[in-house]
Protein backbone atom coordinates (compact mmCIF):
# COMPACT_ATOMS: atom_id res chain seq x y z
CA MET A 1 -9.40 -3.67 -68.82
CA THR A 2 -12.07 -2.26 -71.13
CA GLU A 3 -9.60 -0.55 -73.47
CA ALA A 4 -8.01 -2.41 -76.36
CA ILE A 5 -5.37 0.32 -76.83
CA VAL A 6 -4.08 2.99 -74.46
CA ALA A 7 -1.39 5.34 -75.81
CA ASP A 8 0.04 8.03 -73.54
CA GLY A 9 2.47 10.60 -74.91
CA LEU A 10 3.77 8.15 -77.49
CA SER A 11 6.69 9.64 -79.43
CA ARG A 12 9.28 8.45 -81.89
CA THR A 13 12.25 10.46 -83.16
CA PHE A 14 14.55 9.31 -85.96
CA VAL A 15 18.16 10.52 -86.32
CA THR A 16 19.51 10.57 -89.87
CA GLY A 17 22.61 11.69 -91.74
CA PRO A 18 26.36 11.45 -91.09
CA ARG A 19 27.68 12.26 -87.62
CA ARG A 20 28.61 15.87 -88.28
CA ARG A 21 25.39 16.66 -90.10
CA ARG A 22 22.89 14.57 -88.22
CA THR A 23 19.30 15.73 -88.21
CA THR A 24 16.37 14.62 -86.11
CA HIS A 25 12.84 14.02 -87.32
CA ASP A 26 9.87 13.72 -84.97
CA ALA A 27 7.79 11.11 -86.77
CA VAL A 28 5.32 10.83 -83.86
CA ARG A 29 4.96 13.53 -81.23
CA LYS A 30 3.24 12.92 -77.88
CA VAL A 31 0.30 10.95 -79.26
CA SER A 32 -2.32 10.01 -76.66
CA PHE A 33 -5.59 8.16 -77.28
CA THR A 34 -7.61 5.13 -76.22
CA VAL A 35 -9.55 2.58 -78.24
CA GLU A 36 -12.32 0.66 -76.50
CA ARG A 37 -12.70 -3.07 -77.01
CA GLY A 38 -15.13 -3.76 -79.84
CA GLU A 39 -14.66 -0.30 -81.37
CA ARG A 40 -14.12 0.34 -85.09
CA LEU A 41 -11.52 3.09 -85.46
CA ALA A 42 -10.03 4.74 -88.55
CA PHE A 43 -6.50 6.09 -87.97
CA ILE A 44 -5.95 8.39 -90.94
CA GLY A 45 -3.68 11.08 -92.28
CA PRO A 46 -1.67 12.10 -95.34
CA ASN A 47 1.55 10.34 -96.32
CA GLY A 48 4.28 11.08 -93.79
CA ALA A 49 1.81 11.97 -91.03
CA GLY A 50 3.06 9.30 -88.61
CA LYS A 51 0.46 6.55 -89.13
CA SER A 52 2.84 3.72 -89.99
CA THR A 53 5.28 4.63 -87.24
CA SER A 54 2.44 4.67 -84.71
CA ILE A 55 1.21 1.26 -85.83
CA LYS A 56 4.73 -0.19 -85.69
CA MET A 57 5.00 0.93 -82.07
CA LEU A 58 1.54 -0.42 -81.20
CA THR A 59 2.41 -3.82 -82.70
CA GLY A 60 5.82 -3.94 -81.03
CA ILE A 61 7.98 -3.57 -84.14
CA LEU A 62 9.43 -0.23 -82.97
CA HIS A 63 10.36 1.03 -79.53
CA PRO A 64 9.15 4.57 -78.76
CA THR A 65 11.56 7.38 -77.98
CA ASP A 66 9.20 8.49 -75.21
CA GLY A 67 5.79 7.75 -73.81
CA SER A 68 3.96 4.51 -73.13
CA ALA A 69 1.32 2.23 -74.59
CA LEU A 70 -0.69 -0.83 -73.65
CA VAL A 71 -2.31 -3.01 -76.29
CA LEU A 72 -4.71 -5.57 -74.81
CA GLY A 73 -2.99 -4.94 -71.50
CA LEU A 74 0.52 -5.66 -72.84
CA GLU A 75 3.41 -3.32 -73.54
CA PRO A 76 3.93 -4.07 -77.25
CA TRP A 77 7.71 -3.74 -77.56
CA THR A 78 8.52 -5.82 -74.46
CA ARG A 79 5.72 -8.42 -74.87
CA ARG A 80 5.72 -8.74 -78.64
CA ARG A 81 5.50 -12.55 -78.75
CA GLN A 82 2.53 -12.65 -76.37
CA LEU A 83 0.85 -9.77 -78.21
CA ALA A 84 1.18 -11.55 -81.57
CA GLN A 85 -1.11 -14.27 -80.25
CA GLN A 86 -3.86 -11.73 -79.61
CA ILE A 87 -3.74 -9.42 -82.63
CA GLY A 88 -4.35 -9.94 -86.32
CA VAL A 89 -2.68 -7.90 -89.06
CA LEU A 90 -3.76 -7.47 -92.67
CA PHE A 91 -1.87 -5.40 -95.23
CA GLY A 92 -3.52 -4.71 -98.55
CA GLN A 93 -0.31 -5.25 -100.54
CA ARG A 94 1.22 -8.15 -98.57
CA SER A 95 0.02 -11.73 -98.47
CA GLN A 96 0.03 -14.36 -95.72
CA LEU A 97 -0.99 -17.07 -98.18
CA TRP A 98 1.19 -19.32 -100.34
CA THR A 99 0.36 -18.67 -104.00
CA GLU A 100 0.54 -22.25 -105.26
CA LEU A 101 -1.41 -23.72 -102.34
CA ALA A 102 -5.11 -23.65 -101.63
CA PRO A 103 -5.94 -21.30 -98.72
CA ARG A 104 -6.94 -24.26 -96.53
CA ALA A 105 -3.35 -25.58 -96.67
CA SER A 106 -2.02 -22.15 -95.71
CA PHE A 107 -4.46 -22.02 -92.82
CA ARG A 108 -3.09 -25.31 -91.47
CA LEU A 109 0.47 -23.97 -91.64
CA LEU A 110 -0.51 -20.72 -89.95
CA GLY A 111 -2.43 -22.69 -87.32
CA SER A 112 0.73 -24.60 -86.48
CA ILE A 113 2.65 -21.35 -86.12
CA PHE A 114 0.05 -20.14 -83.60
CA GLY A 115 0.00 -23.47 -81.79
CA LEU A 116 -3.55 -24.37 -82.76
CA SER A 117 -4.65 -27.99 -82.95
CA ASP A 118 -5.85 -29.42 -86.28
CA GLU A 119 -9.33 -29.73 -84.80
CA ARG A 120 -9.37 -26.08 -83.74
CA VAL A 121 -8.11 -24.92 -87.14
CA THR A 122 -10.83 -26.94 -88.90
CA ALA A 123 -13.54 -25.53 -86.63
CA ARG A 124 -12.25 -21.96 -86.93
CA VAL A 125 -11.95 -22.13 -90.74
CA GLY A 126 -15.53 -23.40 -90.91
CA GLU A 127 -16.76 -20.59 -88.67
CA LEU A 128 -14.93 -17.87 -90.60
CA GLY A 129 -15.96 -19.36 -93.93
CA GLN A 130 -19.58 -18.83 -92.96
CA VAL A 131 -19.10 -15.34 -91.53
CA LEU A 132 -17.04 -14.18 -94.52
CA GLU A 133 -19.03 -16.16 -97.11
CA ALA A 134 -15.79 -17.68 -98.41
CA SER A 135 -15.99 -21.43 -97.72
CA GLU A 136 -16.10 -22.31 -101.42
CA LEU A 137 -12.79 -20.46 -101.98
CA PHE A 138 -10.68 -22.36 -99.47
CA ASP A 139 -9.85 -25.33 -101.73
CA GLN A 140 -8.87 -23.39 -104.84
CA PRO A 141 -5.22 -22.43 -105.47
CA VAL A 142 -4.63 -18.83 -104.40
CA ARG A 143 -3.24 -17.96 -107.86
CA THR A 144 -6.64 -18.74 -109.40
CA LEU A 145 -8.59 -16.39 -107.12
CA SER A 146 -9.59 -12.85 -107.97
CA LEU A 147 -8.18 -10.10 -105.77
CA GLY A 148 -11.48 -9.72 -103.95
CA GLN A 149 -11.67 -13.47 -103.29
CA ARG A 150 -8.06 -13.55 -102.14
CA MET A 151 -8.67 -10.70 -99.70
CA ARG A 152 -11.48 -12.66 -98.08
CA CYS A 153 -9.05 -15.54 -97.62
CA GLU A 154 -6.41 -13.13 -96.29
CA LEU A 155 -8.94 -11.88 -93.75
CA THR A 156 -9.62 -15.48 -92.72
CA ALA A 157 -5.88 -16.00 -92.22
CA ALA A 158 -5.63 -12.83 -90.09
CA MET A 159 -8.57 -13.96 -87.93
CA LEU A 160 -7.56 -17.64 -87.67
CA HIS A 161 -6.14 -17.48 -84.13
CA GLU A 162 -9.15 -15.53 -82.80
CA PRO A 163 -7.44 -12.16 -82.31
CA GLU A 164 -9.22 -9.61 -80.19
CA LEU A 165 -7.77 -6.72 -82.21
CA LEU A 166 -7.39 -6.49 -85.97
CA PHE A 167 -4.95 -4.01 -87.57
CA LEU A 168 -5.76 -3.27 -91.24
CA ASP A 169 -3.47 -1.19 -93.44
CA GLU A 170 -5.07 -0.15 -96.76
CA PRO A 171 -7.08 -3.41 -96.93
CA THR A 172 -9.15 -2.49 -100.01
CA ILE A 173 -6.34 -1.18 -102.19
CA GLY A 174 -6.65 -2.56 -105.71
CA LEU A 175 -10.17 -3.92 -105.25
CA ASP A 176 -12.93 -2.95 -107.66
CA LEU A 177 -16.00 -1.12 -106.40
CA LEU A 178 -18.02 -4.27 -105.73
CA GLY A 179 -15.06 -5.95 -104.05
CA LYS A 180 -14.56 -2.97 -101.77
CA GLU A 181 -18.23 -2.89 -100.81
CA VAL A 182 -18.21 -6.60 -99.95
CA PHE A 183 -15.01 -6.33 -97.94
CA ARG A 184 -16.28 -3.38 -95.92
CA THR A 185 -19.47 -5.27 -95.11
CA LEU A 186 -17.42 -8.25 -93.93
CA LEU A 187 -15.34 -6.08 -91.58
CA VAL A 188 -18.47 -4.67 -89.97
CA ARG A 189 -19.89 -8.19 -89.69
CA LEU A 190 -16.72 -9.47 -87.98
CA ASN A 191 -16.99 -6.67 -85.48
CA ALA A 192 -20.69 -7.26 -84.86
CA ASP A 193 -20.64 -11.08 -84.76
CA LEU A 194 -17.28 -11.74 -83.07
CA GLY A 195 -16.67 -8.50 -81.17
CA THR A 196 -13.33 -7.91 -82.92
CA THR A 197 -11.82 -4.47 -82.39
CA VAL A 198 -10.94 -2.92 -85.78
CA PHE A 199 -8.03 -0.48 -86.23
CA LEU A 200 -8.09 0.71 -89.84
CA THR A 201 -5.80 2.91 -91.88
CA SER A 202 -6.87 3.86 -95.38
CA HIS A 203 -6.72 6.62 -97.96
CA ASP A 204 -10.07 5.48 -99.34
CA VAL A 205 -12.67 7.76 -97.79
CA ALA A 206 -15.42 5.20 -98.39
CA ASP A 207 -13.54 2.71 -96.16
CA ILE A 208 -13.63 5.25 -93.35
CA GLU A 209 -17.24 6.20 -93.91
CA HIS A 210 -18.63 2.67 -94.14
CA VAL A 211 -16.42 0.78 -91.65
CA ALA A 212 -15.33 3.17 -88.92
CA GLU A 213 -17.44 4.57 -86.11
CA ARG A 214 -14.71 6.99 -85.04
CA ALA A 215 -11.76 8.64 -86.76
CA ILE A 216 -8.45 9.88 -85.42
CA VAL A 217 -6.69 12.21 -87.86
CA VAL A 218 -2.93 12.60 -87.56
CA ASN A 219 -0.72 15.10 -89.34
CA HIS A 220 2.84 16.24 -88.75
CA GLY A 221 3.20 13.44 -86.19
CA SER A 222 0.40 14.68 -83.92
CA ILE A 223 -3.30 14.04 -83.48
CA ILE A 224 -5.23 16.96 -84.92
CA TYR A 225 -8.76 15.55 -84.68
CA ASP A 226 -10.53 12.76 -82.82
CA ALA A 227 -14.31 12.33 -83.07
CA PRO A 228 -17.09 10.05 -84.32
CA VAL A 229 -17.22 9.94 -88.12
CA THR A 230 -20.78 11.24 -88.07
CA ALA A 231 -19.62 14.32 -86.19
CA MET A 232 -16.83 15.16 -88.62
CA ARG A 233 -19.15 16.73 -91.17
CA ARG A 234 -21.40 18.37 -88.60
CA ASP A 235 -18.62 19.95 -86.53
CA LEU A 236 -16.05 20.91 -89.15
CA LEU A 237 -17.98 22.25 -92.11
CA ALA A 238 -20.82 24.65 -91.61
CA VAL A 239 -21.66 24.62 -95.32
CA LYS A 240 -24.66 22.51 -96.31
CA ARG A 241 -26.06 22.03 -99.79
CA VAL A 242 -29.76 22.48 -100.44
CA GLU A 243 -30.84 20.81 -103.69
CA VAL A 244 -34.23 21.80 -105.11
CA HIS A 245 -35.80 20.00 -108.07
CA PHE A 246 -38.70 21.76 -109.77
CA ALA A 247 -41.29 20.50 -112.22
CA LEU A 248 -39.68 21.16 -115.60
CA ASP A 249 -42.45 20.28 -118.05
CA PRO A 250 -43.81 23.60 -119.41
CA LEU A 251 -47.21 21.98 -119.89
CA ASP A 252 -47.33 21.40 -116.12
CA GLY A 253 -46.19 24.90 -115.30
CA GLY A 254 -42.54 23.83 -115.09
CA ALA A 255 -39.67 26.21 -114.44
CA SER A 256 -37.51 27.54 -117.25
CA GLY A 257 -33.76 27.80 -116.98
CA SER A 258 -33.92 31.59 -116.90
CA ALA A 259 -36.43 31.50 -114.04
CA LEU A 260 -34.10 29.24 -112.02
CA ASP A 261 -31.15 31.53 -112.73
CA ALA A 262 -33.18 34.52 -111.57
CA LEU A 263 -34.20 32.75 -108.37
CA GLY A 264 -30.62 31.72 -107.68
CA THR A 265 -29.37 35.26 -108.23
CA SER A 266 -32.03 36.64 -105.92
CA ILE A 267 -31.21 34.24 -103.08
CA SER A 268 -27.46 34.69 -103.53
CA SER A 269 -27.80 38.43 -103.08
CA GLY A 270 -28.00 37.79 -99.34
CA VAL A 271 -25.01 36.69 -97.27
CA GLY A 272 -24.00 33.07 -96.81
CA VAL A 273 -25.52 31.51 -99.95
CA LYS A 274 -24.00 30.56 -103.29
CA ALA A 275 -26.44 29.35 -105.98
CA THR A 276 -25.85 27.29 -109.14
CA VAL A 277 -28.12 25.40 -111.53
CA SER A 278 -27.00 21.83 -112.27
CA GLU A 279 -27.11 20.17 -115.70
CA SER A 280 -30.17 18.21 -114.54
CA GLY A 281 -32.02 21.47 -113.83
CA ALA A 282 -31.76 21.37 -110.03
CA LEU A 283 -31.14 24.56 -108.08
CA GLN A 284 -28.14 23.98 -105.81
CA LEU A 285 -27.66 26.31 -102.86
CA ASP A 286 -24.47 26.08 -100.78
CA VAL A 287 -25.45 27.60 -97.44
CA ASP A 288 -23.01 28.73 -94.75
CA THR A 289 -25.12 27.94 -91.70
CA LEU A 290 -22.97 30.20 -89.51
CA LEU A 291 -24.16 33.16 -91.58
CA ARG A 292 -27.64 32.12 -92.66
CA PRO A 293 -30.06 29.52 -91.25
CA ILE A 294 -31.03 26.64 -93.54
CA GLY A 295 -34.70 27.14 -92.66
CA GLU A 296 -34.64 30.74 -93.83
CA VAL A 297 -33.17 29.76 -97.21
CA ILE A 298 -35.72 26.98 -97.72
CA ASP A 299 -38.59 29.32 -96.83
CA THR A 300 -37.32 31.84 -99.38
CA VAL A 301 -37.13 29.16 -102.09
CA LEU A 302 -40.65 27.92 -101.41
CA ARG A 303 -42.13 31.43 -101.40
CA ALA A 304 -40.41 32.49 -104.62
CA ALA A 305 -40.54 29.13 -106.44
CA PRO A 306 -41.19 29.68 -110.18
CA ALA A 307 -42.77 26.22 -110.44
CA PRO A 308 -44.00 23.37 -108.21
CA VAL A 309 -41.21 21.83 -106.12
CA ALA A 310 -40.76 18.16 -107.08
CA ASP A 311 -38.07 17.35 -104.50
CA LEU A 312 -35.97 19.12 -101.89
CA SER A 313 -33.04 17.75 -99.90
CA VAL A 314 -30.30 18.98 -97.58
CA VAL A 315 -27.02 17.22 -98.34
CA ASP A 316 -24.00 16.93 -96.05
CA PRO A 317 -20.64 17.86 -97.56
CA PRO A 318 -18.57 14.94 -98.90
CA LEU A 319 -16.30 13.33 -96.31
CA GLU A 320 -13.33 14.00 -98.62
CA GLN A 321 -14.01 17.70 -98.18
CA VAL A 322 -14.20 17.35 -94.41
CA ILE A 323 -10.90 15.48 -94.18
CA GLY A 324 -9.29 17.96 -96.56
CA GLU A 325 -10.29 20.78 -94.24
CA ILE A 326 -8.63 18.95 -91.33
CA TYR A 327 -5.42 18.35 -93.30
CA ARG A 328 -5.17 22.03 -94.14
CA ARG A 329 -4.92 22.97 -90.49
CA PRO A 330 -1.49 24.33 -89.52
CA ALA A 331 1.02 22.02 -87.87
CA PRO A 332 0.79 21.91 -84.06
CA GLU A 333 3.42 23.85 -82.19
CA SER A 334 6.22 21.74 -80.75
CA ALA A 335 6.03 21.31 -76.99
């Protein structure tokens, strides 16, 4: 089969409280989606949205209340042992490595658990060490490694048995900016070089933007959005920002602050545009493209420019803003 994951009407209800006052909570409600082999998917949502419950069902930890799922052709909760041989799991706050041992020793122990020969473990560790640029870390005690170095070793451990599908839960949590950038690059490289399917959950928008090709957004236990990451901005927010930088040197005919304010006020007098002047002296125009075409606004700026235009750009809204708009959608009606 070409799909790594097929979920069809997957649901999970929890019953809580004493017998006379029991309440039910629909943690996951009729979730259906597919993930193609080799795809990089972000499965995102606010706390309590149903992400963890969904992942626990897909990895066989929980049985669903209703619905069905196949992961790599296996029903997770009835074929959990077989599935474990084909998936890798990495949690940002949980370790598979023994602190006092060097990662290479942990890899040998994990290889035995997965039934790998010593020769295969050695070959696989060498291969992953090159792909993840981590070979020099494998013989140092884990306790001496930085968090970023340890996460590269954790990723090696998760990939040791050549899983076709990698589940990652908040993998960059706690990493510094450089560590996060390196880790994201490694995930994309694993996918490109080894064909590993990546299923990522994260609250870090940069993880989603730089790793995932597609995002599924869940809230209130249901899928509320499913599209390529590049389409999220384009489809969900019609507002674009036009940033115009003018020559500011008065000797070169540069624009004064009052002239920029006057231009912004003039353009804002029409519908669909809000103008501000940044601290750096750029004119920022937030344009609602449903009410006013970008081209018309740019033409107006160029015609009325109080000074030569040094630079002009059209900027997409931040992904945080896009996801926030999705989260603010009302909860789906119960079936």
